[in-house]
């Protein structure tokens, strides 16, 4: 019957939205960690350069 179909469609839509949200949350975390690690690597490279310059002075 139509009511059951409507309920099933809403339930399926809710499940899809939940899965999409979970996937996007995971992607956000992944790219956030990558960005942080890139920033850390750059700061370490800069620190090494500064130390080399100090040694040469």
PDB file of N, CA and C in Angstrom:
ATOM      1  N   UNK A   1       0.838  -1.182   0.000  1.00  0.00           N
ATOM      2  CA  UNK A   1       0.000   0.000   0.000  1.00  0.00           C
ATOM      3  C   UNK A   1       0.879   1.240   0.000  1.00  0.00           C
ATOM      4  N   UNK A   2       0.298   2.362  -0.335  1.00  0.00           N
ATOM      5  CA  UNK A   2       1.052   3.598  -0.551  1.00  0.00           C
ATOM      6  C   UNK A   2       1.712   4.094   0.732  1.00  0.00           C
ATOM      7  N   UNK A   3       1.043   3.984   1.851  1.00  0.00           N
ATOM      8  CA  UNK A   3       1.609   4.463   3.112  1.00  0.00           C
ATOM      9  C   UNK A   3       2.883   3.697   3.473  1.00  0.00           C
ATOM     10  N   UNK A   4       2.836   2.390   3.305  1.00  0.00           N
ATOM     11  CA  UNK A   4       4.011   1.559   3.594  1.00  0.00           C
ATOM     12  C   UNK A   4       5.157   1.939   2.660  1.00  0.00           C
ATOM     13  N   UNK A   5       4.853   2.165   1.407  1.00  0.00           N
ATOM     14  CA  UNK A   5       5.872   2.563   0.436  1.00  0.00           C
ATOM     15  C   UNK A   5       6.491   3.899   0.823  1.00  0.00           C
ATOM     16  N   UNK A   6       5.661   4.845   1.237  1.00  0.00           N
ATOM     17  CA  UNK A   6       6.170   6.150   1.649  1.00  0.00           C
ATOM     18  C   UNK A   6       7.082   6.029   2.865  1.00  0.00           C
ATOM     19  N   UNK A   7       6.678   5.215   3.818  1.00  0.00           N
ATOM     20  CA  UNK A   7       7.500   5.001   5.014  1.00  0.00           C
ATOM     21  C   UNK A   7       8.834   4.365   4.627  1.00  0.00           C
ATOM     22  N   UNK A   8       8.786   3.384   3.729  1.00  0.00           N
ATOM     23  CA  UNK A   8      10.016   2.714   3.293  1.00  0.00           C
ATOM     24  C   UNK A   8      10.946   3.671   2.550  1.00  0.00           C
ATOM     25  N   UNK A   9      10.360   4.533   1.722  1.00  0.00           N
ATOM     26  CA  UNK A   9      11.168   5.510   0.988  1.00  0.00           C
ATOM     27  C   UNK A   9      11.833   6.481   1.959  1.00  0.00           C
ATOM     28  N   UNK A  10      11.089   6.956   2.943  1.00  0.00           N
ATOM     29  CA  UNK A  10      11.658   7.872   3.941  1.00  0.00           C
ATOM     30  C   UNK A  10      12.768   7.192   4.738  1.00  0.00           C
ATOM     31  N   UNK A  11      12.559   5.929   5.091  1.00  0.00           N
ATOM     32  CA  UNK A  11      13.582   5.193   5.843  1.00  0.00           C
ATOM     33  C   UNK A  11      14.842   5.018   5.003  1.00  0.00           C
ATOM     34  N   UNK A  12      14.669   4.696   3.724  1.00  0.00           N
ATOM     35  CA  UNK A  12      15.817   4.530   2.834  1.00  0.00           C
ATOM     36  C   UNK A  12      16.551   5.853   2.659  1.00  0.00           C
ATOM     37  N   UNK A  13      15.802   6.932   2.507  1.00  0.00           N
ATOM     38  CA  UNK A  13      16.408   8.260   2.361  1.00  0.00           C
ATOM     39  C   UNK A  13      17.206   8.629   3.606  1.00  0.00           C
ATOM     40  N   UNK A  14      16.659   8.327   4.757  1.00  0.00           N
ATOM     41  CA  UNK A  14      17.351   8.614   6.012  1.00  0.00           C
ATOM     42  C   UNK A  14      18.653   7.823   6.106  1.00  0.00           C
ATOM     43  N   UNK A  15      18.601   6.558   5.715  1.00  0.00           N
ATOM     44  CA  UNK A  15      19.796   5.714   5.739  1.00  0.00           C
ATOM     45  C   UNK A  15      20.866   6.263   4.807  1.00  0.00           C
ATOM     46  N   UNK A  16      20.458   6.683   3.615  1.00  0.00           N
ATOM     47  CA  UNK A  16      21.410   7.243   2.648  1.00  0.00           C
ATOM     48  C   UNK A  16      22.044   8.515   3.196  1.00  0.00           C
ATOM     49  N   UNK A  17      21.235   9.375   3.786  1.00  0.00           N
ATOM     50  CA  UNK A  17      21.771  10.617   4.355  1.00  0.00           C
ATOM     51  C   UNK A  17      22.763  10.315   5.479  1.00  0.00           C
ATOM     52  N   UNK A  18      22.429   9.335   6.319  1.00  0.00           N
ATOM     53  CA  UNK A  18      23.326   8.973   7.421  1.00  0.00           C
ATOM     54  C   UNK A  18      24.658   8.453   6.896  1.00  0.00           C
ATOM     55  N   UNK A  19      24.602   7.605   5.873  1.00  0.00           N
ATOM     56  CA  UNK A  19      25.825   7.054   5.288  1.00  0.00           C
ATOM     57  C   UNK A  19      26.648   8.173   4.663  1.00  0.00           C
ATOM     58  N   UNK A  20      25.996   9.078   3.922  1.00  0.00           N
ATOM     59  CA  UNK A  20      26.706  10.200   3.308  1.00  0.00           C
ATOM     60  C   UNK A  20      27.370  11.064   4.375  1.00  0.00           C
ATOM     61  N   UNK A  21      26.669  11.317   5.460  1.00  0.00           N
ATOM     62  CA  UNK A  21      27.227  12.140   6.530  1.00  0.00           C
ATOM     63  C   UNK A  21      28.441  11.460   7.149  1.00  0.00           C
ATOM     64  N   UNK A  22      28.327  10.153   7.383  1.00  0.00           N
ATOM     65  CA  UNK A  22      29.450   9.415   7.972  1.00  0.00           C
ATOM     66  C   UNK A  22      30.656   9.430   7.036  1.00  0.00           C
ATOM     67  N   UNK A  23      30.407   9.228   5.748  1.00  0.00           N
ATOM     68  CA  UNK A  23      31.509   9.222   4.783  1.00  0.00           C
ATOM     69  C   UNK A  23      32.166  10.597   4.705  1.00  0.00           C
ATOM     70  N   UNK A  24      31.376  11.639   4.681  1.00  0.00           N
ATOM     71  CA  UNK A  24      31.936  12.986   4.604  1.00  0.00           C
ATOM     72  C   UNK A  24      32.672  13.363   5.889  1.00  0.00           C
ATOM     73  N   UNK A  25      32.179  12.902   7.019  1.00  0.00           N
ATOM     74  CA  UNK A  25      32.880  13.150   8.282  1.00  0.00           C
ATOM     75  C   UNK A  25      34.245  12.466   8.275  1.00  0.00           C
ATOM     76  N   UNK A  26      34.276  11.241   7.762  1.00  0.00           N
ATOM     77  CA  UNK A  26      35.545  10.517   7.672  1.00  0.00           C
ATOM     78  C   UNK A  26      36.505  11.223   6.718  1.00  0.00           C
ATOM     79  N   UNK A  27      35.987  11.683   5.578  1.00  0.00           N
ATOM     80  CA  UNK A  27      36.833  12.414   4.624  1.00  0.00           C
ATOM     81  C   UNK A  27      37.364  13.703   5.230  1.00  0.00           C
ATOM     82  N   UNK A  28      36.517  14.411   5.955  1.00  0.00           N
ATOM     83  CA  UNK A  28      36.957  15.652   6.595  1.00  0.00           C
ATOM     84  C   UNK A  28      38.093  15.367   7.569  1.00  0.00           C
ATOM     85  N   UNK A  29      37.929  14.333   8.382  1.00  0.00           N
ATOM     86  CA  UNK A  29      38.975  13.979   9.348  1.00  0.00           C
ATOM     87  C   UNK A  29      40.273  13.617   8.638  1.00  0.00           C
ATOM     88  N   UNK A  30      40.150  12.846   7.576  1.00  0.00           N
ATOM     89  CA  UNK A  30      41.329  12.425   6.811  1.00  0.00           C
ATOM     90  C   UNK A  30      42.088  13.633   6.267  1.00  0.00           C
ATOM     91  N   UNK A  31      41.373  14.534   5.610  1.00  0.00           N
ATOM     92  CA  UNK A  31      42.045  15.682   4.999  1.00  0.00           C
ATOM     93  C   UNK A  31      42.528  16.681   6.043  1.00  0.00           C
ATOM     94  N   UNK A  32      41.854  16.742   7.168  1.00  0.00           N
ATOM     95  CA  UNK A  32      42.308  17.599   8.259  1.00  0.00           C
ATOM     96  C   UNK A  32      43.646  17.086   8.811  1.00  0.00           C
ATOM     97  N   UNK A  33      43.745  15.783   8.984  1.00  0.00           N
ATOM     98  CA  UNK A  33      44.998  15.179   9.465  1.00  0.00           C
ATOM     99  C   UNK A  33      46.120  15.391   8.449  1.00  0.00           C
ATOM    100  N   UNK A  34      45.798  15.234   7.160  1.00  0.00           N
ATOM    101  CA  UNK A  34      46.812  15.461   6.124  1.00  0.00           C
ATOM    102  C   UNK A  34      47.299  16.908   6.125  1.00  0.00           C
ATOM    103  N   UNK A  35      46.374  17.839   6.286  1.00  0.00           N
ATOM    104  CA  UNK A  35      46.753  19.257   6.319  1.00  0.00           C
ATOM    105  C   UNK A  35      47.630  19.551   7.525  1.00  0.00           C
ATOM    106  N   UNK A  36      47.268  19.001   8.675  1.00  0.00           N
ATOM    107  CA  UNK A  36      48.064  19.223   9.881  1.00  0.00           C
ATOM    108  C   UNK A  36      49.460  18.626   9.735  1.00  0.00           C
ATOM    109  N   UNK A  37      49.544  17.436   9.149  1.00  0.00           N
ATOM    110  CA  UNK A  37      50.861  16.816   8.994  1.00  0.00           C
ATOM    111  C   UNK A  37      51.711  17.598   7.996  1.00  0.00           C
ATOM    112  N   UNK A  38      51.077  18.162   6.967  1.00  0.00           N
ATOM    113  CA  UNK A  38      51.813  19.002   6.023  1.00  0.00           C
ATOM    114  C   UNK A  38      52.352  20.251   6.694  1.00  0.00           C
ATOM    115  N   UNK A  39      51.534  20.863   7.532  1.00  0.00           N
ATOM    116  CA  UNK A  39      51.979  22.056   8.268  1.00  0.00           C
ATOM    117  C   UNK A  39      53.130  21.716   9.207  1.00  0.00           C
ATOM    118  N   UNK A  40      53.037  20.585   9.865  1.00  0.00           N
ATOM    119  CA  UNK A  40      54.105  20.160  10.773  1.00  0.00           C
ATOM    120  C   UNK A  40      55.405  19.920  10.000  1.00  0.00           C
ATOM    121  N   UNK A  41      55.289  19.274   8.844  1.00  0.00           N
ATOM    122  CA  UNK A  41      56.479  19.006   8.033  1.00  0.00           C
ATOM    123  C   UNK A  41      57.137  20.312   7.595  1.00  0.00           C
ATOM    124  N   UNK A  42      56.317  21.284   7.205  1.00  0.00           N
ATOM    125  CA  UNK A  42      56.870  22.581   6.801  1.00  0.00           C
ATOM    126  C   UNK A  42      57.559  23.277   7.975  1.00  0.00           C
ATOM    127  N   UNK A  43      56.953  23.203   9.148  1.00  0.00           N
ATOM    128  CA  UNK A  43      57.572  23.857  10.308  1.00  0.00           C
ATOM    129  C   UNK A  43      58.894  23.184  10.667  1.00  0.00           C
ATOM    130  N   UNK A  44      58.954  21.874  10.527  1.00  0.00           N
ATOM    131  CA  UNK A  44      60.203  21.166  10.805  1.00  0.00           C
ATOM    132  C   UNK A  44      61.275  21.525   9.782  1.00  0.00           C
ATOM    133  N   UNK A  45      60.883  21.637   8.520  1.00  0.00           N
ATOM    134  CA  UNK A  45      61.842  22.020   7.479  1.00  0.00           C
ATOM    135  C   UNK A  45      62.372  23.426   7.744  1.00  0.00           C
ATOM    136  N   UNK A  46      61.500  24.322   8.151  1.00  0.00           N
ATOM    137  CA  UNK A  46      61.935  25.685   8.471  1.00  0.00           C
ATOM    138  C   UNK A  46      62.874  25.703   9.671  1.00  0.00           C
ATOM    139  N   UNK A  47      62.585  24.874  10.661  1.00  0.00           N
ATOM    140  CA  UNK A  47      63.443  24.813  11.846  1.00  0.00           C
ATOM    141  C   UNK A  47      64.830  24.306  11.471  1.00  0.00           C
ATOM    142  N   UNK A  48      64.895  23.319  10.600  1.00  0.00           N
ATOM    143  CA  UNK A  48      66.189  22.792  10.162  1.00  0.00           C
ATOM    144  C   UNK A  48      66.974  23.879   9.438  1.00  0.00           C
ATOM    145  N   UNK A  49      66.301  24.613   8.566  1.00  0.00           N
ATOM    146  CA  UNK A  49      66.983  25.696   7.847  1.00  0.00           C
ATOM    147  C   UNK A  49      67.520  26.745   8.817  1.00  0.00           C
ATOM    148  N   UNK A  50      66.735  27.087   9.807  1.00  0.00           N
ATOM    149  CA  UNK A  50      67.184  28.075  10.795  1.00  0.00           C
ATOM    150  C   UNK A  50      68.396  27.565  11.564  1.00  0.00           C
ATOM    151  N   UNK A  51      68.382  26.296  11.915  1.00  0.00           N
ATOM    152  CA  UNK A  51      69.522  25.717  12.642  1.00  0.00           C
ATOM    153  C   UNK A  51      70.785  25.707  11.789  1.00  0.00           C
ATOM    154  N   UNK A  52      70.636  25.405  10.514  1.00  0.00           N
ATOM    155  CA  UNK A  52      71.793  25.416   9.615  1.00  0.00           C
ATOM    156  C   UNK A  52      72.355  26.828   9.508  1.00  0.00           C
ATOM    157  N   UNK A  53      71.478  27.813   9.376  1.00  0.00           N
ATOM    158  CA  UNK A  53      71.940  29.201   9.300  1.00  0.00           C
ATOM    159  C   UNK A  53      72.674  29.618  10.570  1.00  0.00           C
ATOM    160  N   UNK A  54      72.178  29.192  11.713  1.00  0.00           N
ATOM    161  CA  UNK A  54      72.846  29.519  12.981  1.00  0.00           C
ATOM    162  C   UNK A  54      74.233  28.888  13.045  1.00  0.00           C
ATOM    163  N   UNK A  55      74.338  27.661  12.540  1.00  0.00           N
ATOM    164  CA  UNK A  55      75.640  26.986  12.550  1.00  0.00           C
ATOM    165  C   UNK A  55      76.638  27.681  11.629  1.00  0.00           C
ATOM    166  N   UNK A  56      76.150  28.238  10.547  1.00  0.00           N
ATOM    167  CA  UNK A  56      77.038  28.890   9.583  1.00  0.00           C
ATOM    168  C   UNK A  56      77.474  30.278  10.024  1.00  0.00           C
ATOM    169  N   UNK A  57      76.823  30.859  10.984  1.00  0.00           N
ATOM    170  CA  UNK A  57      77.168  32.217  11.431  1.00  0.00           C
ATOM    171  C   UNK A  57      78.357  32.201  12.368  1.00  0.00           C
TER     172      UNK A  57
END
